[in-house]
Structure formats: C-alpha cells, structure tokens
Amino acid sequence: MVNKDILVIYPETVSTQVALYKGTSLLFLKNIKHKQEDRDSFDSVIDQLDYRTKLIMNELRDNEVELNQVEIIVGRGGLLKPMNAGVYEVNEKMVNDLKTGVEGIHHTNLGGLIAYEIAKEVNARPVLADTVSVDEMDDIARISGHPLFTRKSIFHSLNQKFFARKYAKAQNKNYEDLKLIMVTIGMGGISVAAHCKGNVVDVNNAFDGDGPFSVKRTGSVPVGDLIRLAYSGKYSEEEMLRMITKEGGYAAYLKTGKIHEINELMAKGDEKALFISDACAYQVSKEVGAMYAVLEGEVDAIILTGNIFHSERFLANINKRVGKIADFALYPSVNDLEALAENAFLVLKGELEVQEYI
C-alpha cells in the first residue's frame, strides 16, 4: 500500500496546485492558473468545480500520470462544521456541507469537492487533512462578551500542526508535551494560536473574525464603528463582508493586494507601505502576547511560519516586542502540499486513522 501514489489537490483563488507524491517524495507538480475572465464567468466559487476538475484531469493525462497507481487523493480542507484534527474521508455529508457553505464559501471548499470527483473516476480514496475548521478550543476561549456571539476556531490548522510536529521532532520531543505559540502568515489571513500539549486551546478567527489584519483581511476593527457603517446605507451585506475578507488590510491602505506590488513599494522605501507593514507586525506581536497569557506564561517556543518572515524588518519588529517570551523557531514558508502528502502517507502506512465526518 505504501508504494501507491498520493494525489494532492490545493485550490487557491486564482490557481489550483496539483501534486503527485510517492510516500513523501514529490513526483509531479503543476500550478494551473485560472484566467480572470474564466473565473468571472461563474456565479460562485463552487460553480467552478467541473471547470477546475476537468483542467486537472487534462493536465494529469497530458503528463502521462499513471492514475491507476493513485491510492489516495487528499484535498485542501475548506470551511466545515467544527471538527477534531486529523484526516477525514470525503463523504456525501461533507460534499453537501462544502457546496452549501455550512460555515461559509471559500475557494478551499473546492479541495474536498475536486478530490471527491476525481476519486470516483480513478477509484481512489478522497480525504481531507487538518481542515481550517479544526476546533480544539477551551470553552472559556469561546466567550465573546455577548451570548449571541461565540468565538470560532477557523485558522491555518494544516500549516500549524505540520510545523509544530516538525519542531517537536527536531527537539527530540513530543508535540503533545509542548506549549507553543504559533504564528502563520499566509496569502490570505493570519493565525496566532496557543498550542497546549497537542491541542490548539485558543486562536483568532483568521477568516472573517478577529486578530491582526493581513494582506486582504481587515481583522479586528472597532465594533461600534463597524455597526454604524453597516447601517449607513452605503454598503450592502455582501459589500461589507467583502470589505473585511477580501478588500481590507494592506489592500485597503495601499490600494493593492498584490504581494509583488506591495514588496516593490517597500523596496523603494515607500513610507506608507513600510508603516502599514510595521503596523501588521505590531498587531501580530499583540496577539502573541495574548497567547502568552493563555498559556499562563509557560511557553517552550514561538514558531513563526510564512514567506513574510524572509523580511528582516518584519521579523525584527516581532522580535523586539515578544522575543523575550521564548526562543523563536523560524519556518519562512507554508509547505501545505508537503503537509497534506505527509498526512495521506501516514494513512497509507496505517499510522493515522481516517475519521468519519458526521
């Protein structure tokens, strides 16, 4: 079984990455770009399912990938009901929840849906691993301040679980024995979490809730001002949601949400771009401080992941504010493809049980 191949499906907003692994060795990788006009022709992200699936299958066949050797297909996890960490089979219940948006519609929802469609065609097992809906929060962390609102666990669980175990292994320790503060700065949101002996006991809602602003997400904002703006008559509900999930953060301040353009501005010494980046580091540091309190001042390490940590300025800003809390472990990348493949490989080896989504 372990000699069989693993197919990884990783949908993003403007592209879909497809990778083939044998064990944890990469055999094939392709980033399929989706033109703006093609994406605009669909009413919703979910409507892109057949379009993206066909492109993937064509790409695999054109590159003579032996699909009969694929045993398991692992997709990038989407917005689902709160669930335990680990690997889940994509069943009809999950497919329905991904399509209807039980917790919201996002391009990551396509990961499980595409895996499910391809699995039917090639007779493989479709799974998800450590979806963004992993929920291990302590009950006290769910309290928002009003019973009508409950804090939710939506974060970069795949990235954080992967690097937490990687760090623990490097220290010859078990992840389940450590207390860690983890920061993941992705292309979308930012997750800052408290890991207490194998469980993420508190984390900001990195999708549409709270925490630091990111490239396109607004993060925490003054609630009263948000309510007054919502009732000003200037914006619809859809426009308000887009404002906080797709048109906030760097994009709102700098009028661009394109990473290369933001980097160019900072490289040229643009004062506003540098100031906004410093403000992001400031907010990340504040969130790290909050998680220090959650862990009651006992922290084995602060783990920083994401390409932004290649920036010496950003890293220095974090270090000067929270560097005294604990040593940093730096992983300036995301590596979600590898993380997905590793989870699937552990399933093939019989070391990880596949759970049922109900």
Protein backbone atom coordinates (compact mmCIF):
# COMPACT_ATOMS: atom_id res chain seq x y z
CA MET A 1 0.00 0.00 0.00
CA VAL A 2 2.79 2.46 0.85
CA ASN A 3 4.15 2.07 -2.69
CA LYS A 4 0.97 3.58 -4.09
CA ASP A 5 0.82 7.24 -5.12
CA ILE A 6 -0.78 10.21 -3.39
CA LEU A 7 -2.52 12.94 -5.37
CA VAL A 8 -2.71 16.36 -3.70
CA ILE A 9 -5.29 18.97 -4.73
CA TYR A 10 -4.67 22.51 -3.50
CA PRO A 11 -7.12 25.14 -4.82
CA GLU A 12 -6.30 28.83 -4.41
CA THR A 13 -8.18 31.92 -5.56
CA VAL A 14 -6.52 32.27 -8.98
CA SER A 15 -4.97 28.83 -9.44
CA THR A 16 -5.05 25.18 -8.46
CA GLN A 17 -1.89 23.34 -7.48
CA VAL A 18 -1.75 19.63 -8.25
CA ALA A 19 0.99 17.38 -6.92
CA LEU A 20 1.78 13.68 -7.09
CA TYR A 21 3.77 12.03 -4.31
CA LYS A 22 5.12 8.56 -3.70
CA GLY A 23 5.41 8.48 0.04
CA THR A 24 6.73 11.94 0.88
CA SER A 25 8.76 12.22 -2.35
CA LEU A 26 7.41 14.68 -4.91
CA LEU A 27 6.99 13.16 -8.38
CA PHE A 28 4.97 15.82 -10.19
CA LEU A 29 3.86 19.39 -9.52
CA LYS A 30 1.76 21.75 -11.60
CA ASN A 31 0.24 25.11 -10.80
CA ILE A 32 -2.78 25.58 -13.07
CA LYS A 33 -3.59 29.28 -13.50
CA HIS A 34 -7.21 30.35 -13.91
CA LYS A 35 -7.78 33.44 -16.03
CA GLN A 36 -9.80 36.30 -14.58
CA GLU A 37 -12.36 36.10 -17.38
CA ASP A 38 -12.84 32.37 -16.76
CA ARG A 39 -13.39 32.88 -13.03
CA ASP A 40 -15.73 35.81 -13.67
CA SER A 41 -17.94 33.60 -15.84
CA PHE A 42 -19.09 31.68 -12.74
CA ASP A 43 -21.65 33.00 -10.26
CA SER A 44 -19.87 31.44 -7.28
CA VAL A 45 -16.65 29.68 -6.36
CA ILE A 46 -18.46 26.34 -6.06
CA ASP A 47 -19.66 26.66 -9.65
CA GLN A 48 -16.00 26.33 -10.70
CA LEU A 49 -15.95 22.65 -9.60
CA ASP A 50 -16.37 21.00 -13.02
CA TYR A 51 -14.17 23.61 -14.71
CA ARG A 52 -11.25 23.07 -12.34
CA THR A 53 -11.68 19.29 -12.20
CA LYS A 54 -11.51 18.97 -16.00
CA LEU A 55 -8.40 21.13 -16.16
CA ILE A 56 -6.71 18.96 -13.56
CA MET A 57 -7.61 15.71 -15.31
CA ASN A 58 -6.40 17.05 -18.64
CA GLU A 59 -3.12 18.14 -17.09
CA LEU A 60 -2.57 14.75 -15.47
CA ARG A 61 -3.30 12.88 -18.70
CA ASP A 62 -1.15 15.23 -20.78
CA ASN A 63 1.76 14.48 -18.44
CA GLU A 64 1.05 10.74 -18.58
CA VAL A 65 0.47 10.44 -14.83
CA GLU A 66 -0.43 6.82 -14.05
CA LEU A 67 -3.73 7.43 -12.32
CA ASN A 68 -4.23 3.72 -11.65
CA GLN A 69 -1.34 3.99 -9.18
CA VAL A 70 -3.12 6.63 -7.10
CA GLU A 71 -4.43 5.15 -3.87
CA ILE A 72 -5.47 8.28 -2.00
CA ILE A 73 -6.42 11.83 -3.03
CA VAL A 74 -6.02 14.48 -0.37
CA GLY A 75 -7.55 17.91 -0.82
CA ARG A 76 -7.03 21.23 0.88
CA GLY A 77 -9.63 21.50 3.62
CA GLY A 78 -12.45 24.02 3.45
CA LEU A 79 -15.00 25.60 5.77
CA LEU A 80 -16.85 22.78 7.53
CA LYS A 81 -18.51 22.22 10.87
CA PRO A 82 -16.12 22.26 13.86
CA MET A 83 -14.12 19.04 13.85
CA ASN A 84 -11.21 17.30 15.52
CA ALA A 85 -7.75 17.44 14.00
CA GLY A 86 -6.75 14.62 11.66
CA VAL A 87 -7.77 13.01 8.37
CA TYR A 88 -11.39 12.65 7.26
CA GLU A 89 -12.94 10.74 4.37
CA VAL A 90 -14.84 12.97 1.96
CA ASN A 91 -18.37 11.55 2.17
CA GLU A 92 -21.72 12.78 0.85
CA LYS A 93 -22.43 14.72 4.04
CA MET A 94 -19.14 16.60 3.69
CA VAL A 95 -19.75 17.24 -0.01
CA ASN A 96 -23.13 18.78 0.79
CA ASP A 97 -21.68 20.98 3.56
CA LEU A 98 -18.86 22.17 1.31
CA LYS A 99 -21.27 23.01 -1.51
CA THR A 100 -23.87 24.76 0.63
CA GLY A 101 -21.31 26.57 2.77
CA VAL A 102 -22.33 25.32 6.20
CA GLU A 103 -19.66 27.63 7.67
CA GLY A 104 -19.09 29.81 4.63
CA ILE A 105 -18.00 29.66 1.00
CA HIS A 106 -14.30 29.84 0.25
CA HIS A 107 -12.07 28.56 -2.55
CA THR A 108 -10.65 25.96 -0.13
CA ASN A 109 -14.07 24.28 -0.20
CA LEU A 110 -13.17 23.08 -3.69
CA GLY A 111 -10.34 20.91 -2.32
CA GLY A 112 -12.60 18.20 -0.96
CA LEU A 113 -15.08 18.52 -3.81
CA ILE A 114 -12.44 18.08 -6.52
CA ALA A 115 -10.86 15.17 -4.63
CA TYR A 116 -14.28 13.52 -4.41
CA GLU A 117 -14.96 13.90 -8.15
CA ILE A 118 -11.55 12.63 -9.25
CA ALA A 119 -11.68 9.74 -6.78
CA LYS A 120 -14.83 8.42 -8.45
CA GLU A 121 -13.07 8.41 -11.79
CA VAL A 122 -9.78 6.79 -10.73
CA ASN A 123 -11.11 4.56 -7.92
CA ALA A 124 -9.10 6.19 -5.13
CA ARG A 125 -9.93 7.30 -1.60
CA PRO A 126 -10.74 11.03 -1.17
CA VAL A 127 -9.74 12.64 2.13
CA LEU A 128 -9.10 15.98 3.81
CA ALA A 129 -6.47 16.62 6.48
CA ASP A 130 -6.48 19.19 9.29
CA THR A 131 -9.07 21.47 7.72
CA VAL A 132 -9.40 25.14 8.64
CA SER A 133 -12.36 24.13 10.83
CA VAL A 134 -10.28 22.12 13.33
CA ASP A 135 -11.68 23.06 16.74
CA GLU A 136 -9.84 22.23 19.97
CA MET A 137 -10.57 25.50 21.78
CA ASP A 138 -11.11 25.64 25.50
CA ASP A 139 -14.68 26.62 26.36
CA ILE A 140 -13.53 29.77 28.13
CA ALA A 141 -11.90 30.91 24.87
CA ARG A 142 -15.26 30.76 23.07
CA ILE A 143 -16.79 33.54 25.18
CA SER A 144 -17.10 36.71 23.14
CA GLY A 145 -18.75 39.12 25.52
CA HIS A 146 -22.36 38.52 24.42
CA PRO A 147 -24.28 35.20 24.28
CA LEU A 148 -25.42 35.87 20.72
CA PHE A 149 -21.80 35.65 19.55
CA THR A 150 -19.39 32.76 20.00
CA ARG A 151 -15.71 32.93 19.10
CA LYS A 152 -14.92 30.37 16.39
CA SER A 153 -11.84 28.31 15.57
CA ILE A 154 -11.02 28.94 11.91
CA PHE A 155 -7.29 29.02 11.25
CA HIS A 156 -4.30 27.57 9.37
CA SER A 157 -4.51 24.25 11.20
CA LEU A 158 -2.77 22.21 8.48
CA ASN A 159 0.25 24.51 8.48
CA GLN A 160 0.41 24.82 12.25
CA LYS A 161 0.04 21.12 13.08
CA PHE A 162 2.65 20.24 10.44
CA PHE A 163 5.29 22.68 11.68
CA ALA A 164 4.52 22.06 15.35
CA ARG A 165 5.30 18.35 14.88
CA LYS A 166 8.33 19.22 12.75
CA TYR A 167 9.67 21.46 15.52
CA ALA A 168 8.97 18.87 18.22
CA LYS A 169 10.80 16.19 16.24
CA ALA A 170 13.82 18.47 15.81
CA GLN A 171 13.90 18.91 19.58
CA ASN A 172 13.53 15.15 20.21
CA LYS A 173 10.28 15.85 22.00
CA ASN A 174 6.62 15.04 21.51
CA TYR A 175 4.27 17.72 20.24
CA GLU A 176 1.83 16.56 22.92
CA ASP A 177 4.31 17.59 25.64
CA LEU A 178 4.94 21.15 24.46
CA LYS A 179 3.39 24.57 24.97
CA LEU A 180 3.80 26.64 21.82
CA ILE A 181 2.70 29.95 20.37
CA MET A 182 2.36 29.64 16.62
CA VAL A 183 2.06 32.40 14.02
CA THR A 184 1.05 31.62 10.44
CA ILE A 185 1.01 34.48 7.96
CA GLY A 186 -0.48 33.23 4.72
CA MET A 187 -1.51 34.85 1.46
CA GLY A 188 -4.93 35.46 2.99
CA GLY A 189 -5.31 35.65 6.74
CA ILE A 190 -3.11 35.47 9.81
CA SER A 191 -3.46 32.83 12.55
CA VAL A 192 -1.93 33.23 16.00
CA ALA A 193 -2.60 30.24 18.24
CA ALA A 194 -1.82 28.78 21.64
CA HIS A 195 -0.89 25.08 21.39
CA CYS A 196 -1.08 23.39 24.76
CA LYS A 197 0.19 19.80 24.76
CA GLY A 198 -1.24 18.82 21.41
CA ASN A 199 -4.37 20.97 21.37
CA VAL A 200 -4.97 24.44 19.95
CA VAL A 201 -6.74 25.86 23.01
CA ASP A 202 -7.16 29.38 21.64
CA VAL A 203 -6.75 31.03 18.25
CA ASN A 204 -8.11 34.05 16.42
CA ASN A 205 -10.68 33.55 13.67
CA ALA A 206 -8.41 34.11 10.67
CA PHE A 207 -11.25 34.14 8.13
CA ASP A 208 -13.77 36.84 8.98
CA GLY A 209 -13.41 37.32 12.70
CA ASP A 210 -10.61 38.85 14.69
CA GLY A 211 -6.88 39.15 15.09
CA PRO A 212 -4.26 41.02 13.05
CA PHE A 213 -5.08 42.49 9.66
CA SER A 214 -3.39 40.78 6.71
CA VAL A 215 -2.85 41.40 3.01
CA LYS A 216 -6.58 41.49 2.24
CA ARG A 217 -8.38 40.83 5.54
CA THR A 218 -9.37 43.50 8.00
CA GLY A 219 -9.03 41.55 11.23
CA SER A 220 -10.32 43.14 14.45
CA VAL A 221 -11.95 46.54 13.98
CA PRO A 222 -13.83 48.90 16.35
CA VAL A 223 -17.21 47.18 16.65
CA GLY A 224 -19.32 50.30 17.11
CA ASP A 225 -17.86 51.92 14.01
CA LEU A 226 -18.45 48.72 12.04
CA ILE A 227 -22.12 48.63 13.05
CA ARG A 228 -22.65 52.28 12.21
CA LEU A 229 -21.03 51.78 8.80
CA ALA A 230 -23.20 48.72 8.13
CA TYR A 231 -26.35 50.77 8.80
CA SER A 232 -25.17 53.87 6.95
CA GLY A 233 -26.93 52.75 3.77
CA LYS A 234 -23.68 52.99 1.83
CA TYR A 235 -22.93 49.26 1.72
CA SER A 236 -24.85 46.02 1.28
CA GLU A 237 -24.21 42.96 3.46
CA GLU A 238 -22.22 41.38 0.63
CA GLU A 239 -20.11 44.52 0.25
CA MET A 240 -19.42 44.64 3.99
CA LEU A 241 -18.33 41.00 4.05
CA ARG A 242 -16.11 41.55 1.04
CA MET A 243 -14.63 44.58 2.77
CA ILE A 244 -13.43 42.54 5.75
CA THR A 245 -12.40 39.36 3.92
CA LYS A 246 -11.09 40.49 0.53
CA GLU A 247 -10.66 44.26 0.48
CA GLY A 248 -9.15 45.10 3.87
CA GLY A 249 -5.65 45.14 5.32
CA TYR A 250 -2.74 46.12 3.09
CA ALA A 251 -5.09 46.17 0.08
CA ALA A 252 -7.27 48.88 1.64
CA TYR A 253 -4.41 51.04 2.88
CA LEU A 254 -2.10 50.70 -0.12
CA LYS A 255 -4.71 50.24 -2.88
CA THR A 256 -3.16 46.92 -3.90
CA GLY A 257 -3.45 43.41 -2.55
CA LYS A 258 -0.80 42.00 -4.87
CA ILE A 259 2.21 40.78 -2.92
CA HIS A 260 4.79 41.68 -5.56
CA GLU A 261 3.45 45.23 -5.81
CA ILE A 262 3.49 45.63 -2.01
CA ASN A 263 7.06 44.32 -1.90
CA GLU A 264 8.07 46.73 -4.66
CA LEU A 265 6.65 49.67 -2.72
CA MET A 266 8.59 48.71 0.40
CA ALA A 267 11.77 48.04 -1.59
CA LYS A 268 11.51 51.60 -2.92
CA GLY A 269 11.24 52.90 0.63
CA ASP A 270 7.59 53.96 0.34
CA GLU A 271 6.88 55.37 3.81
CA LYS A 272 3.21 54.40 3.92
CA ALA A 273 3.89 50.83 2.81
CA LEU A 274 6.63 50.46 5.42
CA PHE A 275 4.38 51.96 8.11
CA ILE A 276 1.48 49.59 7.33
CA SER A 277 3.85 46.62 7.37
CA ASP A 278 5.19 47.76 10.74
CA ALA A 279 1.59 48.06 11.98
CA CYS A 280 0.90 44.47 10.89
CA ALA A 281 3.94 43.26 12.83
CA TYR A 282 2.73 45.32 15.80
CA GLN A 283 -0.70 43.62 15.73
CA VAL A 284 0.84 40.16 15.33
CA SER A 285 3.02 40.86 18.37
CA LYS A 286 -0.02 41.92 20.42
CA GLU A 287 -1.73 38.65 19.53
CA VAL A 288 1.37 36.67 20.53
CA GLY A 289 1.27 38.46 23.88
CA ALA A 290 -2.36 37.43 24.32
CA MET A 291 -1.48 33.78 23.70
CA TYR A 292 1.33 34.09 26.26
CA ALA A 293 -1.38 34.93 28.78
CA VAL A 294 -3.49 31.97 27.60
CA LEU A 295 -0.56 29.61 28.28
CA GLU A 296 -0.09 31.22 31.73
CA GLY A 297 3.42 32.37 30.94
CA GLU A 298 4.78 28.91 30.12
CA VAL A 299 5.98 28.81 26.50
CA ASP A 300 8.52 26.38 25.04
CA ALA A 301 8.87 28.25 21.75
CA ILE A 302 7.29 30.77 19.41
CA ILE A 303 7.03 29.25 15.94
CA LEU A 304 6.82 31.68 13.01
CA THR A 305 5.73 30.43 9.59
CA GLY A 306 5.09 32.20 6.30
CA ASN A 307 7.06 33.78 3.49
CA ILE A 308 6.84 37.23 5.10
CA PHE A 309 9.45 36.14 7.64
CA HIS A 310 12.07 36.43 4.92
CA SER A 311 11.71 40.15 5.65
CA GLU A 312 14.36 41.13 8.19
CA ARG A 313 12.42 44.27 9.07
CA PHE A 314 9.18 42.38 9.80
CA LEU A 315 10.98 39.76 11.85
CA ALA A 316 12.91 42.41 13.81
CA ASN A 317 9.65 44.18 14.66
CA ILE A 318 8.23 40.95 16.08
CA ASN A 319 11.43 40.14 17.94
CA LYS A 320 11.75 43.49 19.72
CA ARG A 321 8.24 43.17 21.14
CA VAL A 322 7.88 39.49 22.07
CA GLY A 323 11.34 37.99 21.64
CA LYS A 324 11.82 37.80 25.40
CA ILE A 325 8.86 35.46 25.86
CA ALA A 326 10.59 32.40 24.35
CA ASP A 327 13.02 31.36 21.62
CA PHE A 328 11.85 31.69 18.02
CA ALA A 329 11.68 28.76 15.61
CA LEU A 330 11.56 30.17 12.10
CA TYR A 331 9.98 28.39 9.12
CA PRO A 332 9.66 31.10 6.44
CA SER A 333 7.37 29.08 4.16
CA VAL A 334 3.97 27.40 4.10
CA ASN A 335 4.58 23.82 2.79
CA ASP A 336 0.90 22.85 2.74
CA LEU A 337 1.41 20.42 -0.16
CA GLU A 338 4.01 18.51 1.82
CA ALA A 339 1.80 18.60 4.90
CA LEU A 340 -1.14 17.12 3.00
CA ALA A 341 1.05 14.42 1.46
CA GLU A 342 2.51 13.52 4.85
CA ASN A 343 -0.95 13.04 6.36
CA ALA A 344 -2.00 10.83 3.45
CA PHE A 345 1.21 8.81 3.71
CA LEU A 346 0.60 8.16 7.41
CA VAL A 347 -2.85 6.84 6.45
CA LEU A 348 -1.30 4.50 3.87
CA LYS A 349 1.19 3.28 6.49
CA GLY A 350 -1.65 2.59 8.93
CA GLU A 351 -0.29 5.08 11.46
CA LEU A 352 -3.19 7.52 11.13
CA GLU A 353 -6.85 6.61 11.28
CA VAL A 354 -9.32 8.09 8.79
CA GLN A 355 -12.25 9.62 10.65
CA GLU A 356 -15.87 9.94 9.56
CA TYR A 357 -17.45 13.34 9.04
CA ILE A 358 -20.96 13.39 10.54
